[in-house]
Amino acid sequence: MQTIQDNSRLSFFPEIEPFKTGFLQVTECHRLYYEEAGNPEGQAVIVVHGGPGGGINPKQRRYFDPDHYRIISLDQRGAGQSLPYAELSENTTWDLVDDMEFLREHCQVSQWQVFGGSWGTTLALAYAISHSERVSSLILRGIFLGRPRDIHWLYQEGASNIFPEAHQVFREHIPPAEQHNLIEAYYQRLTSEHEGIRVPAAQIWSIWEAAISKLIPDAAIIEAFENPDFAVAFARIECHYFVHNCFFKTHNYLLEQAHHLHKIPGKIVHGRYDIVCAAENAWSLHQAWPQAQLVMVPDAGHSGSEPGTLAALIEATEAFKIK
């Protein structure tokens, strides 16, 4: 295991705009937005956003040398600019895996690097397990394994013991009689037909996650997550996935299937003080996939923009360049 010591060496590549955008009709219901940036003839990488429901963030393009990489991003079903907005039907982990494969074929890519953070690691792992021959390398930050214990830690009890004041706001939005199962209680509200019930629940859900996402809480992130235009899709889709245990066949599916990853070069980057996704997640994945390098960043939380995490991720994208 490597520990990042020097946080000052690497930073984001310059801002870039997409050279191509478009929509893919993947079902009668779902139309997905995608974009490409960087070098149109370069090494392909698919950026898998978090949430689920988070959508593309322009900063995610900046982990890659734009002269080398063809950076492909996709708004997952119901997220970002994909349509219908915040739609939950036909929206499962395995639908998203199929969408990634559909996009790969549409972009005429034979193999690509898969890069994901948070929920993006969950989906990246599910994709790589299903389509290992299509993955040239895996770069994963802030590991979320989608186990019931991980969901319980984040929403019911675990992170609540470290940020009790923020969790109190999250918990007390729900009447005491329902607080024994906060995920289910929020699901009932987030799927309500009444905007006055749905939107406040979405904002409180999203603020909770934003409040614990960095080593030092960031007011700007909390404000962005509170915006209803973001919060409704983010909270509804997240809760939909988590109330269904991420649609995995078993509680420990990703670790049980990790042998499919053993021929894939990889790097696991995780903040030591990640409260959203406990460091044990990264350690357990590394035990199941020892071929990957594990970097535990000693002064970081969950965010991919914290200096040590950012440095480790850019080191990885540079190291996995195909000459």
C-alpha atoms as a PDB file:
ATOM      1  CA  MET A   1       0.000   0.000   0.000  1.00  0.00           C
ATOM      2  CA  GLN A   2       1.242   3.460  -0.931  1.00  0.00           C
ATOM      3  CA  THR A   3       0.648   6.600   1.106  1.00  0.00           C
ATOM      4  CA  ILE A   4       0.629  10.003  -0.605  1.00  0.00           C
ATOM      5  CA  GLN A   5       2.924  12.408   1.214  1.00  0.00           C
ATOM      6  CA  ASP A   6       3.450  15.345  -1.203  1.00  0.00           C
ATOM      7  CA  ASN A   7       0.141  16.956  -2.148  1.00  0.00           C
ATOM      8  CA  SER A   8       1.620  19.821  -4.170  1.00  0.00           C
ATOM      9  CA  ARG A   9       3.052  18.054  -7.206  1.00  0.00           C
ATOM     10  CA  LEU A  10      -0.006  17.556  -9.377  1.00  0.00           C
ATOM     11  CA  SER A  11      -3.168  19.510 -10.045  1.00  0.00           C
ATOM     12  CA  PHE A  12      -6.024  19.563 -12.529  1.00  0.00           C
ATOM     13  CA  PHE A  13      -5.310  19.837 -16.225  1.00  0.00           C
ATOM     14  CA  PRO A  14      -6.673  23.041 -17.848  1.00  0.00           C
ATOM     15  CA  GLU A  15     -10.384  23.478 -18.425  1.00  0.00           C
ATOM     16  CA  ILE A  16     -11.643  22.091 -21.738  1.00  0.00           C
ATOM     17  CA  GLU A  17     -14.967  21.973 -23.528  1.00  0.00           C
ATOM     18  CA  PRO A  18     -16.418  18.913 -25.262  1.00  0.00           C
ATOM     19  CA  PHE A  19     -15.737  18.552 -28.978  1.00  0.00           C
ATOM     20  CA  LYS A  20     -18.856  16.412 -29.359  1.00  0.00           C
ATOM     21  CA  THR A  21     -22.151  15.995 -27.522  1.00  0.00           C
ATOM     22  CA  GLY A  22     -25.175  13.883 -28.270  1.00  0.00           C
ATOM     23  CA  PHE A  23     -28.017  11.697 -27.044  1.00  0.00           C
ATOM     24  CA  LEU A  24     -28.476   7.934 -27.163  1.00  0.00           C
ATOM     25  CA  GLN A  25     -31.948   6.405 -27.179  1.00  0.00           C
ATOM     26  CA  VAL A  26     -31.296   3.289 -25.101  1.00  0.00           C
ATOM     27  CA  THR A  27     -34.927   2.339 -24.428  1.00  0.00           C
ATOM     28  CA  GLU A  28     -38.314   3.668 -25.421  1.00  0.00           C
ATOM     29  CA  CYS A  29     -38.216   5.599 -22.151  1.00  0.00           C
ATOM     30  CA  HIS A  30     -34.589   6.646 -21.632  1.00  0.00           C
ATOM     31  CA  ARG A  31     -32.554   9.072 -23.746  1.00  0.00           C
ATOM     32  CA  LEU A  32     -29.003   9.531 -22.442  1.00  0.00           C
ATOM     33  CA  TYR A  33     -26.745  12.543 -22.840  1.00  0.00           C
ATOM     34  CA  TYR A  34     -23.059  11.933 -23.547  1.00  0.00           C
ATOM     35  CA  GLU A  35     -20.052  14.016 -24.472  1.00  0.00           C
ATOM     36  CA  GLU A  36     -16.490  13.652 -25.668  1.00  0.00           C
ATOM     37  CA  ALA A  37     -13.521  15.919 -24.914  1.00  0.00           C
ATOM     38  CA  GLY A  38      -9.758  15.922 -25.414  1.00  0.00           C
ATOM     39  CA  ASN A  39      -8.107  14.171 -28.357  1.00  0.00           C
ATOM     40  CA  PRO A  40     -10.635  12.628 -30.810  1.00  0.00           C
ATOM     41  CA  GLU A  41      -7.961  10.108 -31.872  1.00  0.00           C
ATOM     42  CA  GLY A  42      -6.616   9.530 -28.383  1.00  0.00           C
ATOM     43  CA  GLN A  43      -6.780   6.732 -25.825  1.00  0.00           C
ATOM     44  CA  ALA A  44     -10.382   6.264 -24.775  1.00  0.00           C
ATOM     45  CA  VAL A  45     -11.517   6.639 -21.171  1.00  0.00           C
ATOM     46  CA  ILE A  46     -15.075   6.462 -19.846  1.00  0.00           C
ATOM     47  CA  VAL A  47     -15.702   8.677 -16.811  1.00  0.00           C
ATOM     48  CA  VAL A  48     -18.337   7.109 -14.544  1.00  0.00           C
ATOM     49  CA  HIS A  49     -20.022   9.716 -12.377  1.00  0.00           C
ATOM     50  CA  GLY A  50     -21.187   9.286  -8.819  1.00  0.00           C
ATOM     51  CA  GLY A  51     -24.494   9.329  -7.046  1.00  0.00           C
ATOM     52  CA  PRO A  52     -26.184   7.417  -8.531  1.00  0.00           C
ATOM     53  CA  GLY A  53     -27.922  10.463  -9.945  1.00  0.00           C
ATOM     54  CA  GLY A  54     -24.982  12.858  -9.752  1.00  0.00           C
ATOM     55  CA  GLY A  55     -24.486  13.601 -13.450  1.00  0.00           C
ATOM     56  CA  ILE A  56     -21.438  14.799 -15.391  1.00  0.00           C
ATOM     57  CA  ASN A  57     -19.215  17.375 -13.688  1.00  0.00           C
ATOM     58  CA  PRO A  58     -16.924  19.376 -16.035  1.00  0.00           C
ATOM     59  CA  LYS A  59     -14.088  19.005 -13.508  1.00  0.00           C
ATOM     60  CA  GLN A  60     -14.041  15.275 -14.247  1.00  0.00           C
ATOM     61  CA  ARG A  61     -12.506  15.983 -17.671  1.00  0.00           C
ATOM     62  CA  ARG A  62      -9.538  17.598 -15.980  1.00  0.00           C
ATOM     63  CA  TYR A  63      -8.033  14.427 -14.488  1.00  0.00           C
ATOM     64  CA  PHE A  64      -6.755  13.559 -17.970  1.00  0.00           C
ATOM     65  CA  ASP A  65      -4.105  14.917 -20.328  1.00  0.00           C
ATOM     66  CA  PRO A  66      -6.363  16.294 -23.099  1.00  0.00           C
ATOM     67  CA  ASP A  67      -3.639  15.860 -25.705  1.00  0.00           C
ATOM     68  CA  HIS A  68      -3.539  12.128 -25.001  1.00  0.00           C
ATOM     69  CA  TYR A  69      -7.002  11.027 -23.894  1.00  0.00           C
ATOM     70  CA  ARG A  70     -10.368  10.843 -25.631  1.00  0.00           C
ATOM     71  CA  ILE A  71     -12.517  11.597 -22.575  1.00  0.00           C
ATOM     72  CA  ILE A  72     -16.020  10.120 -22.834  1.00  0.00           C
ATOM     73  CA  SER A  73     -18.686  10.963 -20.244  1.00  0.00           C
ATOM     74  CA  LEU A  74     -22.271   9.798 -19.857  1.00  0.00           C
ATOM     75  CA  ASP A  75     -25.159  11.095 -17.764  1.00  0.00           C
ATOM     76  CA  GLN A  76     -26.670   7.928 -16.301  1.00  0.00           C
ATOM     77  CA  ARG A  77     -30.412   7.279 -16.529  1.00  0.00           C
ATOM     78  CA  GLY A  78     -32.444  10.093 -15.010  1.00  0.00           C
ATOM     79  CA  ALA A  79     -29.338  12.165 -14.150  1.00  0.00           C
ATOM     80  CA  GLY A  80     -27.858  15.371 -15.529  1.00  0.00           C
ATOM     81  CA  GLN A  81     -29.161  16.129 -19.011  1.00  0.00           C
ATOM     82  CA  SER A  82     -30.459  12.611 -19.623  1.00  0.00           C
ATOM     83  CA  LEU A  83     -34.194  12.241 -20.081  1.00  0.00           C
ATOM     84  CA  PRO A  84     -36.670  11.768 -18.488  1.00  0.00           C
ATOM     85  CA  TYR A  85     -35.309  13.712 -15.534  1.00  0.00           C
ATOM     86  CA  ALA A  86     -35.145  11.750 -12.249  1.00  0.00           C
ATOM     87  CA  GLU A  87     -36.908   8.761 -13.841  1.00  0.00           C
ATOM     88  CA  LEU A  88     -36.773   5.578 -11.733  1.00  0.00           C
ATOM     89  CA  SER A  89     -38.375   3.041 -14.062  1.00  0.00           C
ATOM     90  CA  GLU A  90     -35.997   0.807 -16.044  1.00  0.00           C
ATOM     91  CA  ASN A  91     -33.201   2.217 -13.892  1.00  0.00           C
ATOM     92  CA  THR A  92     -30.999  -0.451 -12.284  1.00  0.00           C
ATOM     93  CA  THR A  93     -27.287  -1.150 -11.997  1.00  0.00           C
ATOM     94  CA  TRP A  94     -27.508  -3.667 -14.820  1.00  0.00           C
ATOM     95  CA  ASP A  95     -29.335  -1.215 -17.070  1.00  0.00           C
ATOM     96  CA  LEU A  96     -26.445   1.216 -16.530  1.00  0.00           C
ATOM     97  CA  VAL A  97     -23.875  -1.498 -17.306  1.00  0.00           C
ATOM     98  CA  ASP A  98     -25.704  -2.162 -20.570  1.00  0.00           C
ATOM     99  CA  ASP A  99     -25.745   1.578 -21.319  1.00  0.00           C
ATOM    100  CA  MET A 100     -21.971   1.798 -20.921  1.00  0.00           C
ATOM    101  CA  GLU A 101     -21.509  -1.072 -23.327  1.00  0.00           C
ATOM    102  CA  PHE A 102     -23.960   0.523 -25.774  1.00  0.00           C
ATOM    103  CA  LEU A 103     -21.982   3.769 -25.596  1.00  0.00           C
ATOM    104  CA  ARG A 104     -18.683   1.947 -26.151  1.00  0.00           C
ATOM    105  CA  GLU A 105     -20.046   0.364 -29.309  1.00  0.00           C
ATOM    106  CA  HIS A 106     -21.561   3.671 -30.451  1.00  0.00           C
ATOM    107  CA  CYS A 107     -18.183   5.398 -30.024  1.00  0.00           C
ATOM    108  CA  GLN A 108     -16.454   2.516 -31.869  1.00  0.00           C
ATOM    109  CA  VAL A 109     -14.042   1.872 -28.993  1.00  0.00           C
ATOM    110  CA  SER A 110     -12.574  -1.613 -28.653  1.00  0.00           C
ATOM    111  CA  GLN A 111     -11.156  -1.072 -25.135  1.00  0.00           C
ATOM    112  CA  TRP A 112     -11.212   1.823 -22.744  1.00  0.00           C
ATOM    113  CA  GLN A 113      -9.913   2.906 -19.387  1.00  0.00           C
ATOM    114  CA  VAL A 114     -12.719   3.040 -16.804  1.00  0.00           C
ATOM    115  CA  PHE A 115     -12.467   5.867 -14.263  1.00  0.00           C
ATOM    116  CA  GLY A 116     -14.983   6.308 -11.444  1.00  0.00           C
ATOM    117  CA  GLY A 117     -15.486   7.826  -8.027  1.00  0.00           C
ATOM    118  CA  SER A 118     -17.889   6.899  -5.202  1.00  0.00           C
ATOM    119  CA  TRP A 119     -20.965   5.269  -6.802  1.00  0.00           C
ATOM    120  CA  GLY A 120     -18.892   5.495  -9.982  1.00  0.00           C
ATOM    121  CA  THR A 121     -16.593   2.853  -8.473  1.00  0.00           C
ATOM    122  CA  THR A 122     -19.575   0.561  -7.848  1.00  0.00           C
ATOM    123  CA  LEU A 123     -20.762   0.854 -11.420  1.00  0.00           C
ATOM    124  CA  ALA A 124     -17.228   0.686 -12.842  1.00  0.00           C
ATOM    125  CA  LEU A 125     -16.625  -2.564 -10.946  1.00  0.00           C
ATOM    126  CA  ALA A 126     -19.949  -4.041 -12.071  1.00  0.00           C
ATOM    127  CA  TYR A 127     -19.097  -3.135 -15.666  1.00  0.00           C
ATOM    128  CA  ALA A 128     -15.545  -4.508 -15.453  1.00  0.00           C
ATOM    129  CA  ILE A 129     -16.791  -7.758 -13.908  1.00  0.00           C
ATOM    130  CA  SER A 130     -19.285  -8.144 -16.769  1.00  0.00           C
ATOM    131  CA  HIS A 131     -17.026  -6.921 -19.600  1.00  0.00           C
ATOM    132  CA  SER A 132     -13.455  -7.419 -18.405  1.00  0.00           C
ATOM    133  CA  GLU A 133     -12.155  -7.856 -21.961  1.00  0.00           C
ATOM    134  CA  ARG A 134     -13.241  -4.269 -22.745  1.00  0.00           C
ATOM    135  CA  VAL A 135     -11.340  -2.648 -19.858  1.00  0.00           C
ATOM    136  CA  SER A 136      -7.708  -1.614 -20.414  1.00  0.00           C
ATOM    137  CA  SER A 137      -7.325  -0.261 -16.855  1.00  0.00           C
ATOM    138  CA  LEU A 138      -9.422   0.728 -13.839  1.00  0.00           C
ATOM    139  CA  ILE A 139      -8.911   3.873 -11.744  1.00  0.00           C
ATOM    140  CA  LEU A 140     -11.224   4.029  -8.723  1.00  0.00           C
ATOM    141  CA  ARG A 141     -11.600   6.711  -6.055  1.00  0.00           C
ATOM    142  CA  GLY A 142     -13.663   6.533  -2.855  1.00  0.00           C
ATOM    143  CA  ILE A 143     -14.746   2.904  -2.990  1.00  0.00           C
ATOM    144  CA  PHE A 144     -18.423   2.106  -2.466  1.00  0.00           C
ATOM    145  CA  LEU A 145     -19.204  -1.619  -2.590  1.00  0.00           C
ATOM    146  CA  GLY A 146     -22.980  -1.324  -2.381  1.00  0.00           C
ATOM    147  CA  ARG A 147     -23.309  -3.751   0.534  1.00  0.00           C
ATOM    148  CA  PRO A 148     -26.159  -3.329   3.050  1.00  0.00           C
ATOM    149  CA  ARG A 149     -23.508  -2.477   5.673  1.00  0.00           C
ATOM    150  CA  ASP A 150     -22.192   0.380   3.488  1.00  0.00           C
ATOM    151  CA  ILE A 151     -25.676   1.818   3.026  1.00  0.00           C
ATOM    152  CA  HIS A 152     -26.442   1.433   6.757  1.00  0.00           C
ATOM    153  CA  TRP A 153     -23.140   3.183   7.632  1.00  0.00           C
ATOM    154  CA  LEU A 154     -23.911   6.167   5.417  1.00  0.00           C
ATOM    155  CA  TYR A 155     -27.549   6.783   6.260  1.00  0.00           C
ATOM    156  CA  GLN A 156     -28.596   4.990   9.446  1.00  0.00           C
ATOM    157  CA  GLU A 157     -25.689   4.643  11.864  1.00  0.00           C
ATOM    158  CA  GLY A 158     -21.945   5.029  11.387  1.00  0.00           C
ATOM    159  CA  ALA A 159     -21.273   8.344   9.695  1.00  0.00           C
ATOM    160  CA  SER A 160     -23.904   9.675  12.114  1.00  0.00           C
ATOM    161  CA  ASN A 161     -21.459   9.173  14.981  1.00  0.00           C
ATOM    162  CA  ILE A 162     -18.859  11.417  13.331  1.00  0.00           C
ATOM    163  CA  PHE A 163     -21.206  14.156  12.085  1.00  0.00           C
ATOM    164  CA  PRO A 164     -24.005  13.907  14.680  1.00  0.00           C
ATOM    165  CA  GLU A 165     -25.206  17.498  14.233  1.00  0.00           C
ATOM    166  CA  ALA A 166     -25.649  17.092  10.465  1.00  0.00           C
ATOM    167  CA  HIS A 167     -27.245  13.673  10.851  1.00  0.00           C
ATOM    168  CA  GLN A 168     -29.701  15.013  13.396  1.00  0.00           C
ATOM    169  CA  VAL A 169     -31.154  17.301  10.716  1.00  0.00           C
ATOM    170  CA  PHE A 170     -31.325  14.354   8.303  1.00  0.00           C
ATOM    171  CA  ARG A 171     -32.930  12.054  10.878  1.00  0.00           C
ATOM    172  CA  GLU A 172     -35.413  14.544  12.314  1.00  0.00           C
ATOM    173  CA  HIS A 173     -36.999  15.233   8.938  1.00  0.00           C
ATOM    174  CA  ILE A 174     -38.550  11.785   9.503  1.00  0.00           C
ATOM    175  CA  PRO A 175     -41.102  11.182  12.311  1.00  0.00           C
ATOM    176  CA  PRO A 176     -39.738   9.133  15.250  1.00  0.00           C
ATOM    177  CA  ALA A 177     -41.933   6.136  14.421  1.00  0.00           C
ATOM    178  CA  GLU A 178     -40.147   5.752  11.055  1.00  0.00           C
ATOM    179  CA  GLN A 179     -36.575   6.563  12.097  1.00  0.00           C
ATOM    180  CA  HIS A 180     -35.606   2.905  12.505  1.00  0.00           C
ATOM    181  CA  ASN A 181     -35.401   2.667   8.684  1.00  0.00           C
ATOM    182  CA  LEU A 182     -34.436   6.059   7.280  1.00  0.00           C
ATOM    183  CA  ILE A 183     -33.820   4.774   3.744  1.00  0.00           C
ATOM    184  CA  GLU A 184     -37.358   3.408   3.461  1.00  0.00           C
ATOM    185  CA  ALA A 185     -38.846   6.519   5.055  1.00  0.00           C
ATOM    186  CA  TYR A 186     -37.051   8.816   2.626  1.00  0.00           C
ATOM    187  CA  TYR A 187     -38.008   6.574  -0.296  1.00  0.00           C
ATOM    188  CA  GLN A 188     -41.685   7.069   0.520  1.00  0.00           C
ATOM    189  CA  ARG A 189     -41.209  10.843   0.468  1.00  0.00           C
ATOM    190  CA  LEU A 190     -38.891  11.030  -2.545  1.00  0.00           C
ATOM    191  CA  THR A 191     -41.360   9.054  -4.633  1.00  0.00           C
ATOM    192  CA  SER A 192     -44.348  11.118  -3.481  1.00  0.00           C
ATOM    193  CA  GLU A 193     -46.480  12.759  -6.171  1.00  0.00           C
ATOM    194  CA  HIS A 194     -46.552  15.937  -4.071  1.00  0.00           C
ATOM    195  CA  GLU A 195     -43.741  18.393  -4.794  1.00  0.00           C
ATOM    196  CA  GLY A 196     -44.043  19.876  -1.319  1.00  0.00           C
ATOM    197  CA  ILE A 197     -43.105  16.498   0.156  1.00  0.00           C
ATOM    198  CA  ARG A 198     -40.634  15.367  -2.502  1.00  0.00           C
ATOM    199  CA  VAL A 199     -38.426  18.462  -2.852  1.00  0.00           C
ATOM    200  CA  PRO A 200     -37.679  19.182   0.841  1.00  0.00           C
ATOM    201  CA  ALA A 201     -36.822  15.516   1.396  1.00  0.00           C
ATOM    202  CA  ALA A 202     -34.489  15.602  -1.605  1.00  0.00           C
ATOM    203  CA  GLN A 203     -32.739  18.737  -0.359  1.00  0.00           C
ATOM    204  CA  ILE A 204     -32.194  17.373   3.152  1.00  0.00           C
ATOM    205  CA  TRP A 205     -30.970  14.026   1.777  1.00  0.00           C
ATOM    206  CA  SER A 206     -28.493  15.779  -0.528  1.00  0.00           C
ATOM    207  CA  ILE A 207     -27.272  18.263   2.081  1.00  0.00           C
ATOM    208  CA  TRP A 208     -26.439  15.367   4.436  1.00  0.00           C
ATOM    209  CA  GLU A 209     -24.134  13.788   1.882  1.00  0.00           C
ATOM    210  CA  ALA A 210     -22.552  17.108   0.891  1.00  0.00           C
ATOM    211  CA  ALA A 211     -21.890  17.985   4.539  1.00  0.00           C
ATOM    212  CA  ILE A 212     -19.695  14.912   5.052  1.00  0.00           C
ATOM    213  CA  SER A 213     -18.015  14.670   1.641  1.00  0.00           C
ATOM    214  CA  LYS A 214     -14.775  16.538   2.417  1.00  0.00           C
ATOM    215  CA  LEU A 215     -12.260  16.400   5.220  1.00  0.00           C
ATOM    216  CA  ILE A 216     -13.185  20.031   5.980  1.00  0.00           C
ATOM    217  CA  PRO A 217     -16.886  20.667   5.168  1.00  0.00           C
ATOM    218  CA  ASP A 218     -17.312  22.967   2.164  1.00  0.00           C
ATOM    219  CA  ALA A 219     -20.206  25.443   2.215  1.00  0.00           C
ATOM    220  CA  ALA A 220     -20.130  25.841  -1.579  1.00  0.00           C
ATOM    221  CA  ILE A 221     -20.670  22.101  -2.121  1.00  0.00           C
ATOM    222  CA  ILE A 222     -23.507  22.045   0.409  1.00  0.00           C
ATOM    223  CA  GLU A 223     -25.193  24.965  -1.362  1.00  0.00           C
ATOM    224  CA  ALA A 224     -24.822  23.277  -4.777  1.00  0.00           C
ATOM    225  CA  PHE A 225     -26.324  20.023  -3.483  1.00  0.00           C
ATOM    226  CA  GLU A 226     -29.257  21.925  -1.933  1.00  0.00           C
ATOM    227  CA  ASN A 227     -30.299  23.305  -5.344  1.00  0.00           C
ATOM    228  CA  PRO A 228     -33.581  21.526  -6.200  1.00  0.00           C
ATOM    229  CA  ASP A 229     -32.549  21.120  -9.852  1.00  0.00           C
ATOM    230  CA  PHE A 230     -29.734  18.857  -8.643  1.00  0.00           C
ATOM    231  CA  ALA A 231     -31.155  17.481  -5.398  1.00  0.00           C
ATOM    232  CA  VAL A 232     -34.326  15.881  -6.731  1.00  0.00           C
ATOM    233  CA  ALA A 233     -32.608  13.587  -9.255  1.00  0.00           C
ATOM    234  CA  PHE A 234     -29.661  12.918  -6.948  1.00  0.00           C
ATOM    235  CA  ALA A 235     -31.729  11.966  -3.908  1.00  0.00           C
ATOM    236  CA  ARG A 236     -34.498  10.090  -5.742  1.00  0.00           C
ATOM    237  CA  ILE A 237     -32.128   7.944  -7.782  1.00  0.00           C
ATOM    238  CA  GLU A 238     -29.727   7.296  -4.893  1.00  0.00           C
ATOM    239  CA  CYS A 239     -32.527   6.240  -2.588  1.00  0.00           C
ATOM    240  CA  HIS A 240     -34.092   4.096  -5.328  1.00  0.00           C
ATOM    241  CA  TYR A 241     -30.821   2.208  -5.720  1.00  0.00           C
ATOM    242  CA  PHE A 242     -30.105   1.877  -2.029  1.00  0.00           C
ATOM    243  CA  VAL A 243     -33.567   0.730  -0.996  1.00  0.00           C
ATOM    244  CA  HIS A 244     -33.046  -2.052  -3.570  1.00  0.00           C
ATOM    245  CA  ASN A 245     -29.497  -2.890  -2.354  1.00  0.00           C
ATOM    246  CA  CYS A 246     -28.024  -1.631  -5.646  1.00  0.00           C
ATOM    247  CA  PHE A 247     -29.795  -4.467  -7.482  1.00  0.00           C
ATOM    248  CA  PHE A 248     -27.000  -6.916  -6.662  1.00  0.00           C
ATOM    249  CA  LYS A 249     -27.765 -10.639  -6.494  1.00  0.00           C
ATOM    250  CA  THR A 250     -25.953 -11.059  -3.172  1.00  0.00           C
ATOM    251  CA  HIS A 251     -24.948  -8.709  -0.355  1.00  0.00           C
ATOM    252  CA  ASN A 252     -21.237  -9.014  -1.177  1.00  0.00           C
ATOM    253  CA  TYR A 253     -21.510  -9.299  -4.939  1.00  0.00           C
ATOM    254  CA  LEU A 254     -18.586  -7.121  -6.062  1.00  0.00           C
ATOM    255  CA  LEU A 255     -16.046  -8.764  -3.763  1.00  0.00           C
ATOM    256  CA  GLU A 256     -17.333 -12.237  -4.614  1.00  0.00           C
ATOM    257  CA  GLN A 257     -16.874 -11.513  -8.318  1.00  0.00           C
ATOM    258  CA  ALA A 258     -13.563  -9.662  -8.023  1.00  0.00           C
ATOM    259  CA  HIS A 259     -11.637 -12.577  -9.590  1.00  0.00           C
ATOM    260  CA  HIS A 260     -12.867 -11.223 -12.934  1.00  0.00           C
ATOM    261  CA  LEU A 261     -10.645  -8.175 -12.335  1.00  0.00           C
ATOM    262  CA  HIS A 262      -7.368  -9.997 -11.793  1.00  0.00           C
ATOM    263  CA  LYS A 263      -6.023  -9.395 -15.292  1.00  0.00           C
ATOM    264  CA  ILE A 264      -6.939  -5.703 -15.312  1.00  0.00           C
ATOM    265  CA  PRO A 265      -4.312  -3.132 -14.212  1.00  0.00           C
ATOM    266  CA  GLY A 266      -5.796  -0.864 -11.580  1.00  0.00           C
ATOM    267  CA  LYS A 267      -5.353   1.789  -8.938  1.00  0.00           C
ATOM    268  CA  ILE A 268      -7.543   2.261  -5.869  1.00  0.00           C
ATOM    269  CA  VAL A 269      -7.409   5.728  -4.276  1.00  0.00           C
ATOM    270  CA  HIS A 270      -9.168   6.360  -0.966  1.00  0.00           C
ATOM    271  CA  GLY A 271      -9.109   9.112   1.641  1.00  0.00           C
ATOM    272  CA  ARG A 272      -8.155   7.832   5.090  1.00  0.00           C
ATOM    273  CA  TYR A 273     -10.922   9.977   6.639  1.00  0.00           C
ATOM    274  CA  ASP A 274     -13.586   9.303   4.030  1.00  0.00           C
ATOM    275  CA  ILE A 275     -16.857   9.368   5.972  1.00  0.00           C
ATOM    276  CA  VAL A 276     -19.162   8.684   3.015  1.00  0.00           C
ATOM    277  CA  CYS A 277     -17.326   5.446   2.172  1.00  0.00           C
ATOM    278  CA  ALA A 278     -15.266   3.992   5.023  1.00  0.00           C
ATOM    279  CA  ALA A 279     -11.619   3.106   4.330  1.00  0.00           C
ATOM    280  CA  GLU A 280     -12.412  -0.554   4.977  1.00  0.00           C
ATOM    281  CA  ASN A 281     -14.164  -0.625   1.590  1.00  0.00           C
ATOM    282  CA  ALA A 282     -10.921   0.127  -0.241  1.00  0.00           C
ATOM    283  CA  TRP A 283      -8.965  -2.321   1.893  1.00  0.00           C
ATOM    284  CA  SER A 284     -11.455  -5.131   1.282  1.00  0.00           C
ATOM    285  CA  LEU A 285     -11.431  -4.494  -2.463  1.00  0.00           C
ATOM    286  CA  HIS A 286      -7.636  -4.577  -2.456  1.00  0.00           C
ATOM    287  CA  GLN A 287      -7.661  -7.919  -0.644  1.00  0.00           C
ATOM    288  CA  ALA A 288      -9.989  -9.335  -3.300  1.00  0.00           C
ATOM    289  CA  TRP A 289      -8.073  -7.662  -6.150  1.00  0.00           C
ATOM    290  CA  PRO A 290      -4.436  -7.589  -4.999  1.00  0.00           C
ATOM    291  CA  GLN A 291      -3.159  -6.824  -8.506  1.00  0.00           C
ATOM    292  CA  ALA A 292      -4.411  -3.239  -8.078  1.00  0.00           C
ATOM    293  CA  GLN A 293      -2.297  -0.648  -6.290  1.00  0.00           C
ATOM    294  CA  LEU A 294      -3.943   0.820  -3.197  1.00  0.00           C
ATOM    295  CA  VAL A 295      -3.215   4.435  -2.296  1.00  0.00           C
ATOM    296  CA  MET A 296      -4.577   5.536   1.080  1.00  0.00           C
ATOM    297  CA  VAL A 297      -4.428   9.344   1.182  1.00  0.00           C
ATOM    298  CA  PRO A 298      -3.645  10.343   4.788  1.00  0.00           C
ATOM    299  CA  ASP A 299      -5.229  13.808   4.807  1.00  0.00           C
ATOM    300  CA  ALA A 300      -8.358  13.411   2.697  1.00  0.00           C
ATOM    301  CA  GLY A 301     -12.042  12.635   2.955  1.00  0.00           C
ATOM    302  CA  HIS A 302     -14.335  11.514   0.140  1.00  0.00           C
ATOM    303  CA  SER A 303     -13.935  14.260  -2.443  1.00  0.00           C
ATOM    304  CA  GLY A 304     -11.906  13.683  -5.598  1.00  0.00           C
ATOM    305  CA  SER A 305     -10.651  17.288  -5.555  1.00  0.00           C
ATOM    306  CA  GLU A 306      -8.759  17.162  -2.246  1.00  0.00           C
ATOM    307  CA  PRO A 307      -5.051  17.682  -2.991  1.00  0.00           C
ATOM    308  CA  GLY A 308      -3.635  14.256  -2.114  1.00  0.00           C
ATOM    309  CA  THR A 309      -6.480  12.405  -3.812  1.00  0.00           C
ATOM    310  CA  LEU A 310      -6.225  14.600  -6.893  1.00  0.00           C
ATOM    311  CA  ALA A 311      -2.468  13.969  -7.105  1.00  0.00           C
ATOM    312  CA  ALA A 312      -2.947  10.208  -6.835  1.00  0.00           C
ATOM    313  CA  LEU A 313      -5.614  10.179  -9.537  1.00  0.00           C
ATOM    314  CA  ILE A 314      -3.556  12.192 -11.984  1.00  0.00           C
ATOM    315  CA  GLU A 315      -0.543   9.997 -11.275  1.00  0.00           C
ATOM    316  CA  ALA A 316      -2.758   7.064 -12.254  1.00  0.00           C
ATOM    317  CA  THR A 317      -4.053   8.572 -15.498  1.00  0.00           C
ATOM    318  CA  GLU A 318      -0.484   9.389 -16.457  1.00  0.00           C
ATOM    319  CA  ALA A 319       0.794   5.932 -15.523  1.00  0.00           C
ATOM    320  CA  PHE A 320      -1.920   4.149 -17.497  1.00  0.00           C
ATOM    321  CA  LYS A 321      -1.301   6.008 -20.725  1.00  0.00           C
ATOM    322  CA  ILE A 322      -0.937   3.631 -23.646  1.00  0.00           C
ATOM    323  CA  LYS A 323       1.942   4.818 -25.816  1.00  0.00           C
END
